[in-house]
Amino acid sequence: MELFGTAGVRGPVTRVTPELAMAVGRAVGMDAVDGSGSVVVGRDGRDTGTALAAAVEAGATSAGADVSRVGQVPTPALAYASRGRHGIMLTASHNPPSDNGLKAFVDGREYDREAEQQIESRVEAGVGSASWEAWTTSATESVLPSYRRAVGEYAREHGADPDGRVAVDCGNGMAGLATPQVLTDLGADAVALNANVDGRFIARESKPTPESLADLRRFVADGDVRFGIGHDGDADRIVVVDAGGEVVHEDTVLAILAAHYTRTSDAADPVVVTTPNASGRIDERVRAAGGRVDRVRLGALHEGIAAVRQAGGAETAVVFAAEPWKHVHPDFGGWIDAVVSAAVFTRLVAETGLDSLREPVTERPYSKVSVDCPDEHKAAVMARLETALPETYPEAAVDTEHGIRLELPDGSWTLVRPSGTEPYVRIYAESDAVDELVETVRERVEAALR
């Protein structure tokens, strides 16, 4: 059984059922009984969240774990609440409203692959409840006020006090409960768009893209706004829009934050952890700031952070970890947190201006393409491509640890990997001749599909 993708369990509620939620809740509850003793449960605003959260609660309490319900919260707020205990978040992030999902946490970190496999084994085996006298009751608690306060205190250590209007498109998601409030507390004139929570995402689709953020882009371009921020349904993604209404490339945002954390670190060996699909512009800015980059498979930033810390000595510190749109701020916590990103980025813009932050970043042409590929064909397609792509580019350095990444002598690179959550094979490329590179790679992918 393989339940977990690159971002927890996720899919249509015909798959992510109350029965599955109860089984996962019981499995995590068993972990908690052996460890922290308690599980905190939160959910996003999706209509199906109430039933799934109740099922998780039933599973965890019947395993003997103490359960605390925190209600509707951003995923990073649930991760914050899971410090010192276990946690389960009911969310499908940026997926459609008909989907839902489960993410498991322990002590502020997402479950690693080994822990996920243990959950999968228990679910597949149909592990039953604890004896009746071990069953527990649940309680409710509030986490949002302390989370928002902690984000604000952390952000004040970076940049300068905001001095203008910032527009935040919350997309009817969980960011409406956190980002505008934090930015206002920091002193920004935060204008919230689509900040009412609606599990059907009536204002726009949950995934923040240039197309779905059209209203935000127009609002920023037509008004007296320094820049805009867009979030997804559970507030673990951030998209930045400049004063002209154009989306700033996600790897440029990543490079700006990575360079800032590297430059301001006291560590002798500052490290930024990122993923194989991230741009070379990140490496350039981190090197210029005196640090280095380490890459880990997509969806495993927490594992990459742990690996660098284990391999490094006292002089090594992971100062930032990120994949496009999703950032971990290690000095704040070990989870992906777009609310913190919004707060820190706002203060950096206040200090120097967005144009000044972008100026040193080399923005080479970058492209990402999705090729339809049923889940059951992904393994065979990738096996064929491990031969076909190196044959196409014999001069390239090849890395097959996290998909198939080819680095060409001129600095161009491409990555092909199967999506962990959707029926696609993804192609990423960065090159001065990016269209030509993508077209050739796409031809090889389509040939492998045939």
Protein backbone atom coordinates (compact mmCIF):
# COMPACT_ATOMS: atom_id res chain seq x y z
CA MET A 1 0.00 0.00 0.00
CA GLU A 2 1.27 3.46 -0.88
CA LEU A 3 -0.89 6.14 0.74
CA PHE A 4 1.55 9.05 0.99
CA GLY A 5 2.70 11.18 -1.89
CA THR A 6 5.08 14.14 -1.74
CA ALA A 7 2.64 16.08 0.43
CA GLY A 8 0.87 13.59 2.68
CA VAL A 9 -2.26 11.65 1.74
CA ARG A 10 -4.28 13.57 -0.81
CA GLY A 11 -7.01 12.95 -3.36
CA PRO A 12 -10.77 12.87 -4.03
CA VAL A 13 -12.94 12.08 -1.01
CA THR A 14 -13.96 8.88 -2.76
CA ARG A 15 -10.41 7.83 -1.79
CA VAL A 16 -9.76 9.98 1.27
CA THR A 17 -12.80 8.61 3.10
CA PRO A 18 -13.81 8.77 6.77
CA GLU A 19 -12.83 5.10 6.99
CA LEU A 20 -9.30 5.91 5.79
CA ALA A 21 -9.13 8.97 8.06
CA MET A 22 -10.06 6.84 11.07
CA ALA A 23 -7.40 4.25 10.18
CA VAL A 24 -4.70 6.92 9.77
CA GLY A 25 -5.83 8.62 12.97
CA ARG A 26 -5.57 5.33 14.85
CA ALA A 27 -2.10 4.66 13.39
CA VAL A 28 -0.80 8.10 14.36
CA GLY A 29 -2.50 7.72 17.73
CA MET A 30 -0.48 4.55 18.29
CA ASP A 31 2.71 6.53 17.58
CA ALA A 32 1.57 9.12 20.10
CA VAL A 33 0.88 6.50 22.78
CA ASP A 34 4.47 5.29 22.33
CA GLY A 35 5.80 8.85 22.43
CA SER A 36 4.24 12.21 23.22
CA GLY A 37 0.91 10.77 24.37
CA SER A 38 -1.20 13.34 22.51
CA VAL A 39 -2.38 14.32 19.03
CA VAL A 40 -3.53 17.76 17.90
CA VAL A 41 -6.02 17.79 15.01
CA GLY A 42 -6.77 20.70 12.68
CA ARG A 43 -8.48 21.17 9.34
CA ASP A 44 -8.85 23.65 6.52
CA GLY A 45 -12.17 25.06 5.35
CA ARG A 46 -13.24 22.30 2.98
CA ASP A 47 -16.82 21.10 3.37
CA THR A 48 -15.64 17.53 3.92
CA GLY A 49 -13.25 18.50 6.71
CA THR A 50 -15.73 18.18 9.55
CA ALA A 51 -16.48 14.51 8.90
CA LEU A 52 -12.84 13.61 8.24
CA ALA A 53 -11.61 15.41 11.37
CA ALA A 54 -14.21 13.56 13.44
CA ALA A 55 -13.00 10.26 11.98
CA VAL A 56 -9.36 11.10 12.75
CA GLU A 57 -10.37 12.00 16.29
CA ALA A 58 -12.21 8.71 16.70
CA GLY A 59 -9.20 6.77 15.43
CA ALA A 60 -6.68 8.52 17.67
CA THR A 61 -8.78 8.36 20.84
CA SER A 62 -9.54 4.68 20.25
CA ALA A 63 -5.79 4.09 20.07
CA GLY A 64 -5.44 5.61 23.53
CA ALA A 65 -4.01 9.02 22.60
CA ASP A 66 -5.23 12.29 24.08
CA VAL A 67 -6.67 14.47 21.30
CA SER A 68 -6.90 18.26 21.10
CA ARG A 69 -9.03 19.86 18.38
CA VAL A 70 -7.93 23.27 17.13
CA GLY A 71 -10.56 23.66 14.40
CA GLN A 72 -9.95 25.57 11.17
CA VAL A 73 -6.33 26.72 11.02
CA PRO A 74 -3.55 27.16 8.45
CA THR A 75 -1.40 24.07 8.09
CA PRO A 76 1.63 25.92 9.53
CA ALA A 77 -0.42 26.81 12.62
CA LEU A 78 -1.23 23.11 13.12
CA ALA A 79 2.48 22.30 12.71
CA TYR A 80 3.27 24.98 15.31
CA ALA A 81 0.72 23.40 17.66
CA SER A 82 2.28 19.95 17.16
CA ARG A 83 5.53 20.93 18.87
CA GLY A 84 6.15 18.42 21.64
CA ARG A 85 3.39 16.11 20.41
CA HIS A 86 1.88 14.56 17.28
CA GLY A 87 -0.44 16.29 14.84
CA ILE A 88 -2.76 15.59 11.92
CA MET A 89 -3.93 18.25 9.48
CA LEU A 90 -6.96 17.66 7.23
CA THR A 91 -6.19 19.53 4.00
CA ALA A 92 -5.74 19.05 0.28
CA SER A 93 -3.78 22.30 0.08
CA HIS A 94 -4.22 23.75 -3.44
CA ASN A 95 -6.30 20.88 -4.84
CA PRO A 96 -9.97 21.31 -5.89
CA PRO A 97 -12.70 21.47 -3.22
CA SER A 98 -13.80 17.90 -3.99
CA ASP A 99 -10.44 16.66 -2.66
CA ASN A 100 -9.12 16.36 0.85
CA GLY A 101 -6.07 14.90 2.54
CA LEU A 102 -4.11 14.16 5.70
CA LYS A 103 -0.69 15.36 6.81
CA ALA A 104 0.99 13.89 9.87
CA PHE A 105 3.39 15.83 12.10
CA VAL A 106 5.54 15.11 15.11
CA ASP A 107 7.17 17.85 17.15
CA GLY A 108 6.64 20.46 14.44
CA ARG A 109 7.98 18.35 11.56
CA GLU A 110 6.17 16.41 8.86
CA TYR A 111 6.49 12.64 9.13
CA ASP A 112 9.52 11.35 7.25
CA ARG A 113 9.28 8.50 4.76
CA GLU A 114 10.02 5.80 7.34
CA ALA A 115 7.27 7.03 9.65
CA GLU A 116 4.83 7.28 6.72
CA GLN A 117 5.60 3.69 5.73
CA GLN A 118 4.82 2.55 9.25
CA ILE A 119 1.42 4.27 9.02
CA GLU A 120 0.82 2.63 5.65
CA SER A 121 1.66 -0.80 7.09
CA ARG A 122 -0.73 -0.35 10.00
CA VAL A 123 -3.55 0.84 7.74
CA GLU A 124 -3.02 -2.06 5.34
CA ALA A 125 -2.97 -4.53 8.22
CA GLY A 126 -6.19 -3.12 9.63
CA VAL A 127 -4.76 -2.63 13.12
CA GLY A 128 -7.58 -2.47 15.64
CA SER A 129 -8.36 -0.26 18.59
CA ALA A 130 -6.79 -0.42 22.02
CA SER A 131 -8.69 -2.16 24.80
CA TRP A 132 -11.75 -0.19 25.84
CA GLU A 133 -10.31 1.04 29.14
CA ALA A 134 -7.46 2.77 27.23
CA TRP A 135 -9.80 4.89 25.10
CA THR A 136 -9.59 8.60 25.80
CA THR A 137 -11.71 11.70 25.44
CA SER A 138 -10.87 14.79 23.40
CA ALA A 139 -10.66 18.50 24.17
CA THR A 140 -10.56 21.77 22.27
CA GLU A 141 -7.92 24.47 22.33
CA SER A 142 -7.06 27.69 20.51
CA VAL A 143 -3.74 28.04 18.73
CA LEU A 144 -4.21 30.96 16.31
CA PRO A 145 -3.51 33.86 18.72
CA SER A 146 -0.22 32.39 19.97
CA TYR A 147 0.82 31.36 16.45
CA ARG A 148 0.18 34.81 14.98
CA ARG A 149 2.01 36.44 17.87
CA ALA A 150 5.02 34.13 17.43
CA VAL A 151 5.21 34.83 13.68
CA GLY A 152 5.18 38.57 14.32
CA GLU A 153 7.92 38.36 16.96
CA TYR A 154 10.10 36.31 14.63
CA ALA A 155 9.56 38.57 11.61
CA ARG A 156 10.62 41.65 13.60
CA GLU A 157 14.14 40.20 13.66
CA HIS A 158 14.35 40.73 9.89
CA GLY A 159 14.08 43.76 7.63
CA ALA A 160 12.34 46.99 8.56
CA ASP A 161 8.91 48.15 9.70
CA PRO A 162 6.45 48.10 6.76
CA ASP A 163 5.59 51.51 5.35
CA GLY A 164 2.97 50.96 2.68
CA ARG A 165 0.00 48.98 1.43
CA VAL A 166 0.29 45.25 0.88
CA ALA A 167 -2.51 43.30 -0.80
CA VAL A 168 -3.09 39.70 0.33
CA ASP A 169 -5.29 37.36 -1.71
CA CYS A 170 -6.24 34.58 0.71
CA GLY A 171 -8.27 32.66 -1.88
CA ASN A 172 -11.07 31.81 0.60
CA GLY A 173 -8.50 29.70 2.44
CA MET A 174 -6.81 29.54 5.81
CA ALA A 175 -4.47 32.47 5.16
CA GLY A 176 -7.45 34.72 5.84
CA LEU A 177 -7.08 33.77 9.51
CA ALA A 178 -3.40 34.64 9.74
CA THR A 179 -1.50 36.66 7.11
CA PRO A 180 -3.52 39.91 7.07
CA GLN A 181 -3.61 39.95 10.87
CA VAL A 182 0.15 39.38 11.20
CA LEU A 183 1.03 42.03 8.61
CA THR A 184 -1.31 44.55 10.25
CA ASP A 185 0.27 43.86 13.63
CA LEU A 186 3.68 44.50 12.06
CA GLY A 187 2.48 47.92 10.91
CA ALA A 188 1.63 47.25 7.28
CA ASP A 189 -1.51 48.61 5.66
CA ALA A 190 -2.69 45.11 4.76
CA VAL A 191 -5.59 44.89 2.31
CA ALA A 192 -7.19 41.44 2.43
CA LEU A 193 -8.89 39.99 -0.64
CA ASN A 194 -11.05 36.85 -0.52
CA ALA A 195 -10.30 36.49 3.18
CA ASN A 196 -13.62 34.83 4.08
CA VAL A 197 -13.13 31.09 4.55
CA ASP A 198 -15.16 29.09 2.04
CA GLY A 199 -14.43 25.43 1.45
CA ARG A 200 -15.63 25.61 -2.14
CA PHE A 201 -13.16 28.41 -3.00
CA ILE A 202 -15.84 30.54 -4.62
CA ALA A 203 -13.55 33.48 -5.47
CA ARG A 204 -10.88 31.59 -7.38
CA GLU A 205 -9.29 28.16 -7.55
CA SER A 206 -7.20 27.31 -4.52
CA LYS A 207 -3.93 27.00 -6.41
CA PRO A 208 -2.35 30.47 -6.75
CA THR A 209 -1.25 30.86 -10.37
CA PRO A 210 -0.85 33.91 -12.64
CA GLU A 211 -4.31 33.11 -14.03
CA SER A 212 -6.11 32.50 -10.74
CA LEU A 213 -4.52 35.62 -9.21
CA ALA A 214 -5.82 37.87 -12.00
CA ASP A 215 -7.95 39.95 -9.60
CA LEU A 216 -5.03 40.44 -7.21
CA ARG A 217 -2.75 41.42 -10.06
CA ARG A 218 -5.22 44.02 -11.34
CA PHE A 219 -5.78 45.36 -7.84
CA VAL A 220 -2.04 45.82 -7.26
CA ALA A 221 -1.36 47.30 -10.70
CA ASP A 222 -4.26 49.77 -10.52
CA GLY A 223 -3.77 50.93 -6.92
CA ASP A 224 -1.27 52.41 -4.52
CA VAL A 225 0.10 49.03 -3.44
CA ARG A 226 3.78 48.16 -2.98
CA PHE A 227 3.28 44.49 -3.84
CA GLY A 228 0.83 41.61 -3.48
CA ILE A 229 0.81 38.19 -1.87
CA GLY A 230 -1.24 35.17 -2.94
CA HIS A 231 -1.80 32.04 -0.87
CA ASP A 232 -3.26 28.59 -1.43
CA GLY A 233 -6.02 26.89 0.54
CA ASP A 234 -4.01 25.97 3.63
CA ALA A 235 -1.43 28.82 3.60
CA ASP A 236 1.69 26.77 2.99
CA ARG A 237 2.30 28.35 -0.44
CA ILE A 238 3.16 31.95 -1.28
CA VAL A 239 3.18 33.82 -4.58
CA VAL A 240 4.49 37.39 -4.84
CA VAL A 241 3.12 40.00 -7.27
CA ASP A 242 5.14 43.13 -8.05
CA ALA A 243 3.80 46.69 -8.19
CA GLY A 244 3.10 46.33 -11.91
CA GLY A 245 0.85 43.32 -11.31
CA GLU A 246 3.32 40.75 -12.61
CA VAL A 247 4.04 37.52 -10.74
CA VAL A 248 7.61 37.36 -9.43
CA HIS A 249 9.12 34.01 -10.33
CA GLU A 250 8.91 31.64 -7.40
CA ASP A 251 12.62 30.81 -7.59
CA THR A 252 13.49 34.50 -7.46
CA VAL A 253 11.50 34.82 -4.23
CA LEU A 254 13.29 31.72 -2.95
CA ALA A 255 16.69 33.14 -3.95
CA ILE A 256 15.99 36.47 -2.20
CA LEU A 257 15.05 34.78 1.07
CA ALA A 258 17.89 32.25 0.82
CA ALA A 259 20.45 35.00 0.28
CA HIS A 260 19.06 37.02 3.19
CA TYR A 261 19.21 34.14 5.65
CA THR A 262 22.68 33.14 4.45
CA ARG A 263 24.05 36.67 4.67
CA THR A 264 22.67 37.31 8.16
CA SER A 265 23.67 33.94 9.63
CA ASP A 266 26.42 33.67 12.23
CA ALA A 267 27.27 30.12 11.12
CA ALA A 268 30.62 29.42 9.49
CA ASP A 269 28.92 26.95 7.14
CA PRO A 270 25.42 28.22 6.30
CA VAL A 271 23.42 25.77 4.18
CA VAL A 272 20.24 26.23 2.14
CA VAL A 273 18.31 23.03 1.42
CA THR A 274 16.25 22.96 -1.75
CA THR A 275 14.94 20.52 -4.36
CA PRO A 276 16.14 19.30 -7.79
CA ASN A 277 13.53 21.41 -9.62
CA ALA A 278 14.79 24.67 -8.10
CA SER A 279 16.65 27.19 -10.25
CA GLY A 280 20.40 27.68 -10.45
CA ARG A 281 19.79 31.33 -9.50
CA ILE A 282 19.43 30.09 -5.92
CA ASP A 283 22.91 28.55 -5.95
CA GLU A 284 24.35 31.77 -7.36
CA ARG A 285 22.86 34.04 -4.70
CA VAL A 286 23.66 31.67 -1.82
CA ARG A 287 27.28 31.32 -2.96
CA ALA A 288 27.57 35.09 -3.27
CA ALA A 289 26.31 35.43 0.31
CA GLY A 290 28.88 32.93 1.60
CA GLY A 291 26.83 29.73 1.83
CA ARG A 292 26.17 26.52 -0.04
CA VAL A 293 23.15 24.63 -1.39
CA ASP A 294 22.16 21.02 -0.70
CA ARG A 295 19.37 19.33 -2.67
CA VAL A 296 16.84 16.73 -1.51
CA ARG A 297 13.89 15.01 -3.19
CA LEU A 298 10.73 17.03 -3.73
CA GLY A 299 8.44 16.93 -0.72
CA ALA A 300 11.23 16.00 1.72
CA LEU A 301 12.68 19.28 2.93
CA HIS A 302 12.45 18.08 6.54
CA GLU A 303 14.50 15.02 5.64
CA GLY A 304 17.08 17.19 3.90
CA ILE A 305 17.38 19.45 6.92
CA ALA A 306 17.92 16.43 9.18
CA ALA A 307 20.53 14.95 6.83
CA VAL A 308 22.58 18.16 6.65
CA ARG A 309 22.47 18.55 10.41
CA GLN A 310 23.54 14.95 10.93
CA ALA A 311 26.42 15.18 8.45
CA GLY A 312 27.61 18.65 9.48
CA GLY A 313 29.54 19.73 12.52
CA ALA A 314 29.04 22.53 14.99
CA GLU A 315 29.87 25.11 12.33
CA THR A 316 27.10 23.93 9.97
CA ALA A 317 23.61 25.40 10.15
CA VAL A 318 20.60 25.02 7.87
CA VAL A 319 19.52 28.65 7.56
CA PHE A 320 16.67 28.16 5.08
CA ALA A 321 14.97 25.31 3.25
CA ALA A 322 12.58 25.67 0.36
CA GLU A 323 11.08 24.30 -2.78
CA PRO A 324 9.24 26.62 -5.17
CA TRP A 325 6.38 28.37 -3.33
CA LYS A 326 6.99 26.49 -0.05
CA HIS A 327 9.50 27.64 2.57
CA VAL A 328 10.85 26.34 5.89
CA HIS A 329 12.32 28.90 8.29
CA PRO A 330 14.44 26.67 10.59
CA ASP A 331 15.05 29.28 13.27
CA PHE A 332 11.25 29.59 13.64
CA GLY A 333 10.20 25.98 13.13
CA GLY A 334 10.75 22.85 11.08
CA TRP A 335 7.60 23.13 8.97
CA ILE A 336 6.60 24.81 5.71
CA ASP A 337 5.18 28.22 6.56
CA ALA A 338 3.99 30.77 4.01
CA VAL A 339 2.65 33.10 6.72
CA VAL A 340 6.20 33.55 8.02
CA SER A 341 7.41 34.00 4.44
CA ALA A 342 4.84 36.74 3.90
CA ALA A 343 5.84 38.52 7.11
CA VAL A 344 9.62 38.34 6.53
CA PHE A 345 9.34 39.24 2.84
CA THR A 346 7.16 42.24 3.66
CA ARG A 347 9.81 43.53 6.05
CA LEU A 348 12.61 42.96 3.51
CA VAL A 349 10.66 44.92 0.89
CA ALA A 350 10.14 47.71 3.44
CA GLU A 351 13.90 47.83 4.02
CA THR A 352 15.17 48.07 0.43
CA GLY A 353 12.26 47.85 -2.01
CA LEU A 354 11.28 44.89 -4.18
CA ASP A 355 13.25 46.08 -7.21
CA SER A 356 16.45 46.27 -5.17
CA LEU A 357 15.87 42.76 -3.84
CA ARG A 358 15.40 41.40 -7.36
CA GLU A 359 18.23 43.30 -9.06
CA PRO A 360 21.11 40.93 -8.19
CA VAL A 361 19.14 37.78 -9.13
CA THR A 362 19.92 36.44 -12.60
CA GLU A 363 16.59 35.39 -14.05
CA ARG A 364 17.36 33.02 -16.91
CA PRO A 365 14.45 31.60 -18.94
CA TYR A 366 12.78 28.86 -16.92
CA SER A 367 9.97 26.54 -17.90
CA LYS A 368 7.84 23.85 -16.30
CA VAL A 369 5.63 21.55 -18.37
CA SER A 370 3.26 18.77 -17.31
CA VAL A 371 2.76 15.74 -19.55
CA ASP A 372 -0.31 13.57 -18.91
CA CYS A 373 0.71 10.20 -17.49
CA PRO A 374 -1.54 7.77 -15.59
CA ASP A 375 -0.15 6.81 -12.19
CA GLU A 376 0.16 3.15 -13.14
CA HIS A 377 2.51 4.02 -16.05
CA LYS A 378 4.86 6.37 -14.21
CA ALA A 379 7.43 3.78 -13.12
CA ALA A 380 7.80 2.28 -16.59
CA VAL A 381 8.05 5.70 -18.24
CA MET A 382 10.76 6.85 -15.83
CA ALA A 383 12.70 3.59 -16.36
CA ARG A 384 12.73 4.17 -20.13
CA LEU A 385 13.77 7.79 -19.70
CA GLU A 386 16.78 6.81 -17.56
CA THR A 387 18.24 5.45 -20.80
CA ALA A 388 16.66 7.76 -23.39
CA LEU A 389 17.57 11.13 -21.86
CA PRO A 390 21.30 10.46 -21.29
CA GLU A 391 21.47 9.08 -24.84
CA THR A 392 19.96 12.33 -26.11
CA TYR A 393 22.44 14.47 -24.14
CA PRO A 394 25.60 12.33 -23.83
CA GLU A 395 27.64 15.33 -22.66
CA ALA A 396 25.37 15.97 -19.66
CA ALA A 397 26.02 15.08 -16.03
CA VAL A 398 23.16 12.81 -14.93
CA ASP A 399 21.63 12.47 -11.46
CA THR A 400 18.81 9.96 -10.97
CA GLU A 401 18.43 10.29 -7.20
CA HIS A 402 15.37 12.56 -7.34
CA GLY A 403 13.91 11.97 -10.79
CA ILE A 404 16.25 12.43 -13.77
CA ARG A 405 18.26 15.65 -13.69
CA LEU A 406 20.66 16.51 -16.52
CA GLU A 407 23.18 19.33 -16.21
CA LEU A 408 24.68 20.46 -19.51
CA PRO A 409 28.15 21.99 -19.95
CA ASP A 410 26.73 25.46 -20.72
CA GLY A 411 24.96 25.64 -17.33
CA SER A 412 21.56 24.61 -18.68
CA TRP A 413 19.70 21.88 -16.82
CA THR A 414 16.51 19.88 -17.01
CA LEU A 415 14.67 17.65 -14.56
CA VAL A 416 12.03 15.02 -15.31
CA ARG A 417 10.09 13.53 -12.41
CA PRO A 418 6.68 11.95 -11.81
CA SER A 419 4.20 14.04 -9.83
CA GLY A 420 3.49 12.57 -6.42
CA THR A 421 -0.05 13.95 -6.27
CA GLU A 422 -1.36 14.23 -9.85
CA PRO A 423 -1.35 12.07 -13.05
CA TYR A 424 1.55 13.90 -14.70
CA VAL A 425 5.22 13.64 -15.48
CA ARG A 426 6.78 17.05 -14.83
CA ILE A 427 9.50 18.61 -16.97
CA TYR A 428 11.56 21.47 -15.54
CA ALA A 429 14.23 23.33 -17.49
CA GLU A 430 16.40 26.43 -17.26
CA SER A 431 18.40 27.57 -20.27
CA ASP A 432 18.98 30.47 -22.61
CA ALA A 433 17.35 28.17 -25.18
CA VAL A 434 14.71 26.83 -22.82
CA ASP A 435 11.95 26.27 -25.40
CA GLU A 436 14.23 24.08 -27.52
CA LEU A 437 15.40 22.11 -24.47
CA VAL A 438 11.84 21.53 -23.21
CA GLU A 439 10.60 20.50 -26.64
CA THR A 440 13.32 17.87 -27.03
CA VAL A 441 12.77 16.49 -23.53
CA ARG A 442 9.01 16.45 -24.02
CA GLU A 443 9.43 14.42 -27.20
CA ARG A 444 11.41 11.83 -25.24
CA VAL A 445 8.77 11.70 -22.50
CA GLU A 446 5.96 11.23 -25.01
CA ALA A 447 7.95 8.53 -26.77
CA ALA A 448 8.42 6.74 -23.45
CA LEU A 449 4.67 6.93 -22.87
CA ARG A 450 4.01 5.20 -26.18
